[in-house]
Amino acid sequence: MTQLNPRDGHIVLINTFKVKSGKAEALLAALIKATETTVNKIPGFVSANFHVSLNGKQVVNYAQWRSKADFDRAMQVPEFQAHMKEMFELIESFDPVLYELRYSHGA
């Protein structure tokens, strides 16, 4: 479960995928599969959330990692890299950016 607390010090990955026409649901399924079979077992993984744009042209991954070092190590895991190669068939481009959560306010 995603917890938004700046004091946790988690690194946030926001990755925007521009999907090929009609491929948003296939990419979503691939991201879920990768998360449930591989990513959730990688040390330092905290959470993943996937958002599909209403026009079906983008999928956004909002993920939290314990630290940048954990995230960097995860990118080297062969199974993770294999999942990413599968996803390249479904996307036109992607834009991964790492952030620090500085503030969160809930209702």
PDB file of N, CA and C in Angstrom:
ATOM      1  N   MET A   1       0.840  -1.169   0.000  1.00  0.00           N
ATOM      2  CA  MET A   1       0.000   0.000   0.000  1.00  0.00           C
ATOM      3  C   MET A   1       0.892   1.242   0.000  1.00  0.00           C
ATOM      4  N   THR A   2       0.556   2.166  -0.833  1.00  0.00           N
ATOM      5  CA  THR A   2       1.328   3.398  -0.904  1.00  0.00           C
ATOM      6  C   THR A   2       1.029   4.279   0.295  1.00  0.00           C
ATOM      7  N   GLN A   3       2.072   4.686   0.975  1.00  0.00           N
ATOM      8  CA  GLN A   3       1.978   5.624   2.082  1.00  0.00           C
ATOM      9  C   GLN A   3       2.766   6.867   1.677  1.00  0.00           C
ATOM     10  N   LEU A   4       2.134   8.013   1.730  1.00  0.00           N
ATOM     11  CA  LEU A   4       2.794   9.245   1.328  1.00  0.00           C
ATOM     12  C   LEU A   4       3.211  10.044   2.554  1.00  0.00           C
ATOM     13  N   ASN A   5       4.444   9.807   2.971  1.00  0.00           N
ATOM     14  CA  ASN A   5       4.976  10.500   4.131  1.00  0.00           C
ATOM     15  C   ASN A   5       6.390  10.964   3.784  1.00  0.00           C
ATOM     16  N   PRO A   6       6.588  12.257   3.626  1.00  0.00           N
ATOM     17  CA  PRO A   6       7.916  12.757   3.262  1.00  0.00           C
ATOM     18  C   PRO A   6       9.025  12.306   4.204  1.00  0.00           C
ATOM     19  N   ARG A   7       8.697  12.045   5.466  1.00  0.00           N
ATOM     20  CA  ARG A   7       9.714  11.616   6.433  1.00  0.00           C
ATOM     21  C   ARG A   7      10.239  10.215   6.154  1.00  0.00           C
ATOM     22  N   ASP A   8       9.527   9.425   5.351  1.00  0.00           N
ATOM     23  CA  ASP A   8       9.992   8.074   5.023  1.00  0.00           C
ATOM     24  C   ASP A   8      11.253   8.093   4.166  1.00  0.00           C
ATOM     25  N   GLY A   9      11.456   9.171   3.421  1.00  0.00           N
ATOM     26  CA  GLY A   9      12.655   9.289   2.597  1.00  0.00           C
ATOM     27  C   GLY A   9      12.648   8.432   1.346  1.00  0.00           C
ATOM     28  N   HIS A  10      11.497   7.901   0.978  1.00  0.00           N
ATOM     29  CA  HIS A  10      11.435   7.063  -0.222  1.00  0.00           C
ATOM     30  C   HIS A  10      11.711   7.879  -1.484  1.00  0.00           C
ATOM     31  N   ILE A  11      12.298   7.204  -2.448  1.00  0.00           N
ATOM     32  CA  ILE A  11      12.467   7.777  -3.778  1.00  0.00           C
ATOM     33  C   ILE A  11      11.223   7.425  -4.577  1.00  0.00           C
ATOM     34  N   VAL A  12      10.706   8.369  -5.329  1.00  0.00           N
ATOM     35  CA  VAL A  12       9.511   8.155  -6.129  1.00  0.00           C
ATOM     36  C   VAL A  12       9.899   8.153  -7.602  1.00  0.00           C
ATOM     37  N   LEU A  13       9.473   7.111  -8.288  1.00  0.00           N
ATOM     38  CA  LEU A  13       9.634   7.038  -9.737  1.00  0.00           C
ATOM     39  C   LEU A  13       8.291   7.365 -10.356  1.00  0.00           C
ATOM     40  N   ILE A  14       8.257   8.373 -11.209  1.00  0.00           N
ATOM     41  CA  ILE A  14       7.072   8.637 -12.017  1.00  0.00           C
ATOM     42  C   ILE A  14       7.512   8.426 -13.460  1.00  0.00           C
ATOM     43  N   ASN A  15       6.960   7.367 -14.052  1.00  0.00           N
ATOM     44  CA  ASN A  15       7.349   6.972 -15.400  1.00  0.00           C
ATOM     45  C   ASN A  15       6.117   7.073 -16.286  1.00  0.00           C
ATOM     46  N   THR A  16       6.171   7.953 -17.281  1.00  0.00           N
ATOM     47  CA  THR A  16       5.063   8.132 -18.212  1.00  0.00           C
ATOM     48  C   THR A  16       5.375   7.390 -19.499  1.00  0.00           C
ATOM     49  N   PHE A  17       4.522   6.427 -19.818  1.00  0.00           N
ATOM     50  CA  PHE A  17       4.644   5.656 -21.051  1.00  0.00           C
ATOM     51  C   PHE A  17       3.665   6.212 -22.072  1.00  0.00           C
ATOM     52  N   LYS A  18       4.144   6.542 -23.249  1.00  0.00           N
ATOM     53  CA  LYS A  18       3.254   6.865 -24.366  1.00  0.00           C
ATOM     54  C   LYS A  18       3.049   5.543 -25.107  1.00  0.00           C
ATOM     55  N   VAL A  19       1.811   5.058 -25.122  1.00  0.00           N
ATOM     56  CA  VAL A  19       1.551   3.721 -25.649  1.00  0.00           C
ATOM     57  C   VAL A  19       1.161   3.762 -27.117  1.00  0.00           C
ATOM     58  N   LYS A  20       1.457   2.668 -27.797  1.00  0.00           N
ATOM     59  CA  LYS A  20       1.008   2.510 -29.175  1.00  0.00           C
ATOM     60  C   LYS A  20      -0.517   2.431 -29.175  1.00  0.00           C
ATOM     61  N   SER A  21      -1.122   2.809 -30.266  1.00  0.00           N
ATOM     62  CA  SER A  21      -2.574   2.858 -30.368  1.00  0.00           C
ATOM     63  C   SER A  21      -3.217   1.537 -29.941  1.00  0.00           C
ATOM     64  N   GLY A  22      -4.146   1.646 -28.997  1.00  0.00           N
ATOM     65  CA  GLY A  22      -4.886   0.483 -28.549  1.00  0.00           C
ATOM     66  C   GLY A  22      -4.140  -0.454 -27.622  1.00  0.00           C
ATOM     67  N   LYS A  23      -2.971  -0.062 -27.126  1.00  0.00           N
ATOM     68  CA  LYS A  23      -2.138  -0.963 -26.320  1.00  0.00           C
ATOM     69  C   LYS A  23      -2.099  -0.620 -24.836  1.00  0.00           C
ATOM     70  N   ALA A  24      -2.900   0.323 -24.379  1.00  0.00           N
ATOM     71  CA  ALA A  24      -2.839   0.723 -22.970  1.00  0.00           C
ATOM     72  C   ALA A  24      -3.180  -0.433 -22.034  1.00  0.00           C
ATOM     73  N   GLU A  25      -4.223  -1.186 -22.335  1.00  0.00           N
ATOM     74  CA  GLU A  25      -4.613  -2.288 -21.449  1.00  0.00           C
ATOM     75  C   GLU A  25      -3.565  -3.404 -21.460  1.00  0.00           C
ATOM     76  N   ALA A  26      -2.957  -3.642 -22.604  1.00  0.00           N
ATOM     77  CA  ALA A  26      -1.901  -4.655 -22.678  1.00  0.00           C
ATOM     78  C   ALA A  26      -0.687  -4.218 -21.863  1.00  0.00           C
ATOM     79  N   LEU A  27      -0.342  -2.936 -21.931  1.00  0.00           N
ATOM     80  CA  LEU A  27       0.784  -2.440 -21.129  1.00  0.00           C
ATOM     81  C   LEU A  27       0.446  -2.520 -19.643  1.00  0.00           C
ATOM     82  N   LEU A  28      -0.763  -2.132 -19.284  1.00  0.00           N
ATOM     83  CA  LEU A  28      -1.173  -2.233 -17.887  1.00  0.00           C
ATOM     84  C   LEU A  28      -1.043  -3.669 -17.390  1.00  0.00           C
ATOM     85  N   ALA A  29      -1.513  -4.624 -18.170  1.00  0.00           N
ATOM     86  CA  ALA A  29      -1.409  -6.037 -17.778  1.00  0.00           C
ATOM     87  C   ALA A  29       0.049  -6.457 -17.635  1.00  0.00           C
ATOM     88  N   ALA A  30       0.920  -5.993 -18.535  1.00  0.00           N
ATOM     89  CA  ALA A  30       2.342  -6.340 -18.468  1.00  0.00           C
ATOM     90  C   ALA A  30       2.997  -5.733 -17.229  1.00  0.00           C
ATOM     91  N   LEU A  31       2.643  -4.503 -16.901  1.00  0.00           N
ATOM     92  CA  LEU A  31       3.192  -3.856 -15.708  1.00  0.00           C
ATOM     93  C   LEU A  31       2.743  -4.565 -14.433  1.00  0.00           C
ATOM     94  N   ILE A  32       1.479  -4.941 -14.391  1.00  0.00           N
ATOM     95  CA  ILE A  32       0.968  -5.658 -13.224  1.00  0.00           C
ATOM     96  C   ILE A  32       1.674  -7.007 -13.083  1.00  0.00           C
ATOM     97  N   LYS A  33       1.809  -7.723 -14.188  1.00  0.00           N
ATOM     98  CA  LYS A  33       2.486  -9.029 -14.153  1.00  0.00           C
ATOM     99  C   LYS A  33       3.927  -8.875 -13.657  1.00  0.00           C
ATOM    100  N   ALA A  34       4.650  -7.900 -14.211  1.00  0.00           N
ATOM    101  CA  ALA A  34       6.040  -7.686 -13.798  1.00  0.00           C
ATOM    102  C   ALA A  34       6.126  -7.351 -12.320  1.00  0.00           C
ATOM    103  N   THR A  35       5.204  -6.531 -11.838  1.00  0.00           N
ATOM    104  CA  THR A  35       5.209  -6.145 -10.422  1.00  0.00           C
ATOM    105  C   THR A  35       4.937  -7.340  -9.530  1.00  0.00           C
ATOM    106  N   GLU A  36       3.926  -8.133  -9.899  1.00  0.00           N
ATOM    107  CA  GLU A  36       3.516  -9.248  -9.040  1.00  0.00           C
ATOM    108  C   GLU A  36       4.462 -10.444  -9.094  1.00  0.00           C
ATOM    109  N   THR A  37       5.211 -10.589 -10.168  1.00  0.00           N
ATOM    110  CA  THR A  37       6.097 -11.754 -10.284  1.00  0.00           C
ATOM    111  C   THR A  37       7.562 -11.450  -9.998  1.00  0.00           C
ATOM    112  N   THR A  38       7.981 -10.211 -10.195  1.00  0.00           N
ATOM    113  CA  THR A  38       9.408  -9.886 -10.088  1.00  0.00           C
ATOM    114  C   THR A  38       9.692  -8.690  -9.189  1.00  0.00           C
ATOM    115  N   VAL A  39       9.112  -7.542  -9.538  1.00  0.00           N
ATOM    116  CA  VAL A  39       9.487  -6.287  -8.885  1.00  0.00           C
ATOM    117  C   VAL A  39       9.221  -6.322  -7.389  1.00  0.00           C
ATOM    118  N   ASN A  40       8.094  -6.904  -6.977  1.00  0.00           N
ATOM    119  CA  ASN A  40       7.768  -6.897  -5.552  1.00  0.00           C
ATOM    120  C   ASN A  40       8.716  -7.745  -4.722  1.00  0.00           C
ATOM    121  N   LYS A  41       9.567  -8.526  -5.353  1.00  0.00           N
ATOM    122  CA  LYS A  41      10.550  -9.349  -4.640  1.00  0.00           C
ATOM    123  C   LYS A  41      11.934  -8.687  -4.570  1.00  0.00           C
ATOM    124  N   ILE A  42      12.103  -7.576  -5.250  1.00  0.00           N
ATOM    125  CA  ILE A  42      13.397  -6.902  -5.286  1.00  0.00           C
ATOM    126  C   ILE A  42      13.565  -6.073  -4.005  1.00  0.00           C
ATOM    127  N   PRO A  43      14.682  -6.256  -3.304  1.00  0.00           N
ATOM    128  CA  PRO A  43      14.904  -5.487  -2.073  1.00  0.00           C
ATOM    129  C   PRO A  43      14.801  -3.980  -2.327  1.00  0.00           C
ATOM    130  N   GLY A  44      14.076  -3.313  -1.440  1.00  0.00           N
ATOM    131  CA  GLY A  44      13.919  -1.864  -1.538  1.00  0.00           C
ATOM    132  C   GLY A  44      12.628  -1.427  -2.200  1.00  0.00           C
ATOM    133  N   PHE A  45      11.912  -2.361  -2.844  1.00  0.00           N
ATOM    134  CA  PHE A  45      10.633  -2.010  -3.455  1.00  0.00           C
ATOM    135  C   PHE A  45       9.626  -1.696  -2.362  1.00  0.00           C
ATOM    136  N   VAL A  46       8.854  -0.623  -2.540  1.00  0.00           N
ATOM    137  CA  VAL A  46       7.845  -0.220  -1.559  1.00  0.00           C
ATOM    138  C   VAL A  46       6.444  -0.352  -2.137  1.00  0.00           C
ATOM    139  N   SER A  47       6.198   0.254  -3.305  1.00  0.00           N
ATOM    140  CA  SER A  47       4.853   0.210  -3.875  1.00  0.00           C
ATOM    141  C   SER A  47       4.890   0.594  -5.353  1.00  0.00           C
ATOM    142  N   ALA A  48       3.815   0.210  -6.052  1.00  0.00           N
ATOM    143  CA  ALA A  48       3.638   0.603  -7.453  1.00  0.00           C
ATOM    144  C   ALA A  48       2.164   0.904  -7.677  1.00  0.00           C
ATOM    145  N   ASN A  49       1.913   1.930  -8.450  1.00  0.00           N
ATOM    146  CA  ASN A  49       0.556   2.349  -8.788  1.00  0.00           C
ATOM    147  C   ASN A  49       0.538   2.682 -10.278  1.00  0.00           C
ATOM    148  N   PHE A  50      -0.449   2.170 -10.981  1.00  0.00           N
ATOM    149  CA  PHE A  50      -0.517   2.385 -12.428  1.00  0.00           C
ATOM    150  C   PHE A  50      -1.783   3.158 -12.768  1.00  0.00           C
ATOM    151  N   HIS A  51      -1.622   4.142 -13.607  1.00  0.00           N
ATOM    152  CA  HIS A  51      -2.710   5.025 -13.999  1.00  0.00           C
ATOM    153  C   HIS A  51      -2.809   5.013 -15.525  1.00  0.00           C
ATOM    154  N   VAL A  52      -4.010   4.867 -16.050  1.00  0.00           N
ATOM    155  CA  VAL A  52      -4.237   4.894 -17.496  1.00  0.00           C
ATOM    156  C   VAL A  52      -4.990   6.183 -17.817  1.00  0.00           C
ATOM    157  N   SER A  53      -4.476   6.953 -18.764  1.00  0.00           N
ATOM    158  CA  SER A  53      -5.144   8.201 -19.130  1.00  0.00           C
ATOM    159  C   SER A  53      -6.523   7.909 -19.718  1.00  0.00           C
ATOM    160  N   LEU A  54      -7.415   8.847 -19.559  1.00  0.00           N
ATOM    161  CA  LEU A  54      -8.776   8.666 -20.060  1.00  0.00           C
ATOM    162  C   LEU A  54      -8.825   8.512 -21.577  1.00  0.00           C
ATOM    163  N   ASN A  55      -7.829   9.066 -22.264  1.00  0.00           N
ATOM    164  CA  ASN A  55      -7.801   8.925 -23.727  1.00  0.00           C
ATOM    165  C   ASN A  55      -7.063   7.663 -24.173  1.00  0.00           C
ATOM    166  N   GLY A  56      -6.523   6.899 -23.223  1.00  0.00           N
ATOM    167  CA  GLY A  56      -5.855   5.643 -23.547  1.00  0.00           C
ATOM    168  C   GLY A  56      -4.504   5.786 -24.232  1.00  0.00           C
ATOM    169  N   LYS A  57      -3.912   6.978 -24.165  1.00  0.00           N
ATOM    170  CA  LYS A  57      -2.646   7.209 -24.863  1.00  0.00           C
ATOM    171  C   LYS A  57      -1.425   7.164 -23.955  1.00  0.00           C
ATOM    172  N   GLN A  58      -1.643   7.239 -22.642  1.00  0.00           N
ATOM    173  CA  GLN A  58      -0.534   7.195 -21.692  1.00  0.00           C
ATOM    174  C   GLN A  58      -0.871   6.255 -20.537  1.00  0.00           C
ATOM    175  N   VAL A  59       0.174   5.647 -20.021  1.00  0.00           N
ATOM    176  CA  VAL A  59       0.093   4.895 -18.777  1.00  0.00           C
ATOM    177  C   VAL A  59       1.204   5.456 -17.895  1.00  0.00           C
ATOM    178  N   VAL A  60       0.862   5.753 -16.650  1.00  0.00           N
ATOM    179  CA  VAL A  60       1.835   6.312 -15.723  1.00  0.00           C
ATOM    180  C   VAL A  60       2.046   5.332 -14.582  1.00  0.00           C
ATOM    181  N   ASN A  61       3.307   5.116 -14.257  1.00  0.00           N
ATOM    182  CA  ASN A  61       3.693   4.294 -13.115  1.00  0.00           C
ATOM    183  C   ASN A  61       4.204   5.243 -12.037  1.00  0.00           C
ATOM    184  N   TYR A  62       3.529   5.223 -10.884  1.00  0.00           N
ATOM    185  CA  TYR A  62       3.984   5.957  -9.708  1.00  0.00           C
ATOM    186  C   TYR A  62       4.481   4.888  -8.739  1.00  0.00           C
ATOM    187  N   ALA A  63       5.784   4.798  -8.577  1.00  0.00           N
ATOM    188  CA  ALA A  63       6.365   3.739  -7.745  1.00  0.00           C
ATOM    189  C   ALA A  63       7.253   4.356  -6.675  1.00  0.00           C
ATOM    190  N   GLN A  64       7.318   3.677  -5.535  1.00  0.00           N
ATOM    191  CA  GLN A  64       8.184   4.114  -4.452  1.00  0.00           C
ATOM    192  C   GLN A  64       9.242   3.052  -4.197  1.00  0.00           C
ATOM    193  N   TRP A  65      10.472   3.532  -3.966  1.00  0.00           N
ATOM    194  CA  TRP A  65      11.598   2.681  -3.606  1.00  0.00           C
ATOM    195  C   TRP A  65      12.197   3.230  -2.332  1.00  0.00           C
ATOM    196  N   ARG A  66      12.727   2.360  -1.516  1.00  0.00           N
ATOM    197  CA  ARG A  66      13.295   2.760  -0.226  1.00  0.00           C
ATOM    198  C   ARG A  66      14.408   3.795  -0.407  1.00  0.00           C
ATOM    199  N   SER A  67      15.226   3.627  -1.456  1.00  0.00           N
ATOM    200  CA  SER A  67      16.335   4.560  -1.682  1.00  0.00           C
ATOM    201  C   SER A  67      16.707   4.550  -3.169  1.00  0.00           C
ATOM    202  N   LYS A  68      17.470   5.541  -3.575  1.00  0.00           N
ATOM    203  CA  LYS A  68      17.946   5.579  -4.957  1.00  0.00           C
ATOM    204  C   LYS A  68      18.867   4.397  -5.229  1.00  0.00           C
ATOM    205  N   ALA A  69      19.679   4.018  -4.249  1.00  0.00           N
ATOM    206  CA  ALA A  69      20.575   2.867  -4.421  1.00  0.00           C
ATOM    207  C   ALA A  69      19.767   1.593  -4.664  1.00  0.00           C
ATOM    208  N   ASP A  70      18.666   1.413  -3.941  1.00  0.00           N
ATOM    209  CA  ASP A  70      17.804   0.246  -4.170  1.00  0.00           C
ATOM    210  C   ASP A  70      17.222   0.278  -5.579  1.00  0.00           C
ATOM    211  N   PHE A  71      16.760   1.438  -6.001  1.00  0.00           N
ATOM    212  CA  PHE A  71      16.215   1.575  -7.347  1.00  0.00           C
ATOM    213  C   PHE A  71      17.284   1.257  -8.388  1.00  0.00           C
ATOM    214  N   ASP A  72      18.478   1.805  -8.218  1.00  0.00           N
ATOM    215  CA  ASP A  72      19.566   1.555  -9.164  1.00  0.00           C
ATOM    216  C   ASP A  72      19.904   0.064  -9.247  1.00  0.00           C
ATOM    217  N   ARG A  73      19.920  -0.614  -8.113  1.00  0.00           N
ATOM    218  CA  ARG A  73      20.179  -2.061  -8.112  1.00  0.00           C
ATOM    219  C   ARG A  73      19.056  -2.817  -8.821  1.00  0.00           C
ATOM    220  N   ALA A  74      17.830  -2.387  -8.609  1.00  0.00           N
ATOM    221  CA  ALA A  74      16.688  -3.047  -9.250  1.00  0.00           C
ATOM    222  C   ALA A  74      16.798  -2.981 -10.770  1.00  0.00           C
ATOM    223  N   MET A  75      17.303  -1.879 -11.285  1.00  0.00           N
ATOM    224  CA  MET A  75      17.424  -1.721 -12.742  1.00  0.00           C
ATOM    225  C   MET A  75      18.421  -2.709 -13.344  1.00  0.00           C
ATOM    226  N   GLN A  76      19.254  -3.315 -12.506  1.00  0.00           N
ATOM    227  CA  GLN A  76      20.251  -4.271 -12.980  1.00  0.00           C
ATOM    228  C   GLN A  76      19.781  -5.722 -12.886  1.00  0.00           C
ATOM    229  N   VAL A  77      18.617  -5.962 -12.299  1.00  0.00           N
ATOM    230  CA  VAL A  77      18.103  -7.323 -12.142  1.00  0.00           C
ATOM    231  C   VAL A  77      17.687  -7.855 -13.513  1.00  0.00           C
ATOM    232  N   PRO A  78      18.270  -8.974 -13.962  1.00  0.00           N
ATOM    233  CA  PRO A  78      17.978  -9.485 -15.308  1.00  0.00           C
ATOM    234  C   PRO A  78      16.490  -9.727 -15.570  1.00  0.00           C
ATOM    235  N   GLU A  79      15.765 -10.225 -14.582  1.00  0.00           N
ATOM    236  CA  GLU A  79      14.323 -10.469 -14.780  1.00  0.00           C
ATOM    237  C   GLU A  79      13.566  -9.158 -14.991  1.00  0.00           C
ATOM    238  N   PHE A  80      13.988  -8.122 -14.290  1.00  0.00           N
ATOM    239  CA  PHE A  80      13.364  -6.808 -14.465  1.00  0.00           C
ATOM    240  C   PHE A  80      13.644  -6.276 -15.871  1.00  0.00           C
ATOM    241  N   GLN A  81      14.871  -6.413 -16.311  1.00  0.00           N
ATOM    242  CA  GLN A  81      15.234  -5.963 -17.654  1.00  0.00           C
ATOM    243  C   GLN A  81      14.453  -6.724 -18.725  1.00  0.00           C
ATOM    244  N   ALA A  82      14.226  -8.010 -18.502  1.00  0.00           N
ATOM    245  CA  ALA A  82      13.463  -8.819 -19.460  1.00  0.00           C
ATOM    246  C   ALA A  82      12.024  -8.319 -19.563  1.00  0.00           C
ATOM    247  N   HIS A  83      11.426  -7.968 -18.427  1.00  0.00           N
ATOM    248  CA  HIS A  83      10.066  -7.421 -18.460  1.00  0.00           C
ATOM    249  C   HIS A  83      10.029  -6.114 -19.246  1.00  0.00           C
ATOM    250  N   MET A  84      11.039  -5.281 -19.049  1.00  0.00           N
ATOM    251  CA  MET A  84      11.062  -4.001 -19.760  1.00  0.00           C
ATOM    252  C   MET A  84      11.164  -4.214 -21.270  1.00  0.00           C
ATOM    253  N   LYS A  85      11.951  -5.181 -21.698  1.00  0.00           N
ATOM    254  CA  LYS A  85      12.066  -5.458 -23.134  1.00  0.00           C
ATOM    255  C   LYS A  85      10.717  -5.858 -23.722  1.00  0.00           C
ATOM    256  N   GLU A  86       9.931  -6.635 -22.972  1.00  0.00           N
ATOM    257  CA  GLU A  86       8.595  -7.019 -23.434  1.00  0.00           C
ATOM    258  C   GLU A  86       7.711  -5.784 -23.612  1.00  0.00           C
ATOM    259  N   MET A  87       7.840  -4.847 -22.713  1.00  0.00           N
ATOM    260  CA  MET A  87       6.995  -3.655 -22.757  1.00  0.00           C
ATOM    261  C   MET A  87       7.338  -2.731 -23.915  1.00  0.00           C
ATOM    262  N   PHE A  88       8.567  -2.782 -24.394  1.00  0.00           N
ATOM    263  CA  PHE A  88       8.962  -1.924 -25.505  1.00  0.00           C
ATOM    264  C   PHE A  88       8.116  -2.181 -26.747  1.00  0.00           C
ATOM    265  N   GLU A  89       7.548  -3.374 -26.875  1.00  0.00           N
ATOM    266  CA  GLU A  89       6.683  -3.699 -28.009  1.00  0.00           C
ATOM    267  C   GLU A  89       5.361  -2.941 -27.941  1.00  0.00           C
ATOM    268  N   LEU A  90       5.008  -2.440 -26.772  1.00  0.00           N
ATOM    269  CA  LEU A  90       3.701  -1.825 -26.559  1.00  0.00           C
ATOM    270  C   LEU A  90       3.746  -0.305 -26.492  1.00  0.00           C
ATOM    271  N   ILE A  91       4.939   0.269 -26.451  1.00  0.00           N
ATOM    272  CA  ILE A  91       5.065   1.711 -26.229  1.00  0.00           C
ATOM    273  C   ILE A  91       5.784   2.407 -27.370  1.00  0.00           C
ATOM    274  N   GLU A  92       5.503   3.702 -27.478  1.00  0.00           N
ATOM    275  CA  GLU A  92       6.239   4.552 -28.413  1.00  0.00           C
ATOM    276  C   GLU A  92       7.420   5.210 -27.719  1.00  0.00           C
ATOM    277  N   SER A  93       7.211   5.575 -26.445  1.00  0.00           N
ATOM    278  CA  SER A  93       8.278   6.209 -25.671  1.00  0.00           C
ATOM    279  C   SER A  93       7.948   6.103 -24.191  1.00  0.00           C
ATOM    280  N   PHE A  94       8.938   6.426 -23.363  1.00  0.00           N
ATOM    281  CA  PHE A  94       8.728   6.476 -21.918  1.00  0.00           C
ATOM    282  C   PHE A  94       9.638   7.540 -21.335  1.00  0.00           C
ATOM    283  N   ASP A  95       9.223   8.062 -20.178  1.00  0.00           N
ATOM    284  CA  ASP A  95       9.949   9.168 -19.557  1.00  0.00           C
ATOM    285  C   ASP A  95      10.025   8.931 -18.049  1.00  0.00           C
ATOM    286  N   PRO A  96      11.019   8.146 -17.592  1.00  0.00           N
ATOM    287  CA  PRO A  96      11.154   7.895 -16.152  1.00  0.00           C
ATOM    288  C   PRO A  96      11.904   9.033 -15.461  1.00  0.00           C
ATOM    289  N   VAL A  97      11.322   9.522 -14.360  1.00  0.00           N
ATOM    290  CA  VAL A  97      11.944  10.593 -13.591  1.00  0.00           C
ATOM    291  C   VAL A  97      11.857  10.224 -12.110  1.00  0.00           C
ATOM    292  N   LEU A  98      12.963  10.390 -11.398  1.00  0.00           N
ATOM    293  CA  LEU A  98      12.997  10.140  -9.954  1.00  0.00           C
ATOM    294  C   LEU A  98      12.742  11.439  -9.193  1.00  0.00           C
ATOM    295  N   TYR A  99      11.976  11.319  -8.105  1.00  0.00           N
ATOM    296  CA  TYR A  99      11.615  12.475  -7.296  1.00  0.00           C
ATOM    297  C   TYR A  99      11.819  12.169  -5.821  1.00  0.00           C
ATOM    298  N   GLU A 100      11.876  13.236  -5.027  1.00  0.00           N
ATOM    299  CA  GLU A 100      11.774  13.155  -3.579  1.00  0.00           C
ATOM    300  C   GLU A 100      10.411  13.714  -3.206  1.00  0.00           C
ATOM    301  N   LEU A 101       9.668  12.997  -2.372  1.00  0.00           N
ATOM    302  CA  LEU A 101       8.401  13.514  -1.868  1.00  0.00           C
ATOM    303  C   LEU A 101       8.718  14.553  -0.804  1.00  0.00           C
ATOM    304  N   ARG A 102       8.223  15.765  -0.986  1.00  0.00           N
ATOM    305  CA  ARG A 102       8.507  16.840  -0.047  1.00  0.00           C
ATOM    306  C   ARG A 102       7.305  17.214   0.817  1.00  0.00           C
ATOM    307  N   TYR A 103       6.099  16.958   0.291  1.00  0.00           N
ATOM    308  CA  TYR A 103       4.908  17.342   1.045  1.00  0.00           C
ATOM    309  C   TYR A 103       3.735  16.507   0.592  1.00  0.00           C
ATOM    310  N   SER A 104       2.889  16.129   1.537  1.00  0.00           N
ATOM    311  CA  SER A 104       1.662  15.397   1.229  1.00  0.00           C
ATOM    312  C   SER A 104       0.588  15.844   2.204  1.00  0.00           C
ATOM    313  N   HIS A 105      -0.601  16.053   1.694  1.00  0.00           N
ATOM    314  CA  HIS A 105      -1.724  16.495   2.525  1.00  0.00           C
ATOM    315  C   HIS A 105      -2.954  15.726   2.108  1.00  0.00           C
ATOM    316  N   GLY A 106      -3.578  15.036   3.020  1.00  0.00           N
ATOM    317  CA  GLY A 106      -4.770  14.271   2.718  1.00  0.00           C
ATOM    318  C   GLY A 106      -6.025  14.943   3.262  1.00  0.00           C
ATOM    319  N   ALA A 107      -7.158  14.492   2.770  1.00  0.00           N
ATOM    320  CA  ALA A 107      -8.439  15.066   3.222  1.00  0.00           C
ATOM    321  C   ALA A 107      -8.756  14.621   4.628  1.00  0.00           C
TER     322      ALA A 107
END
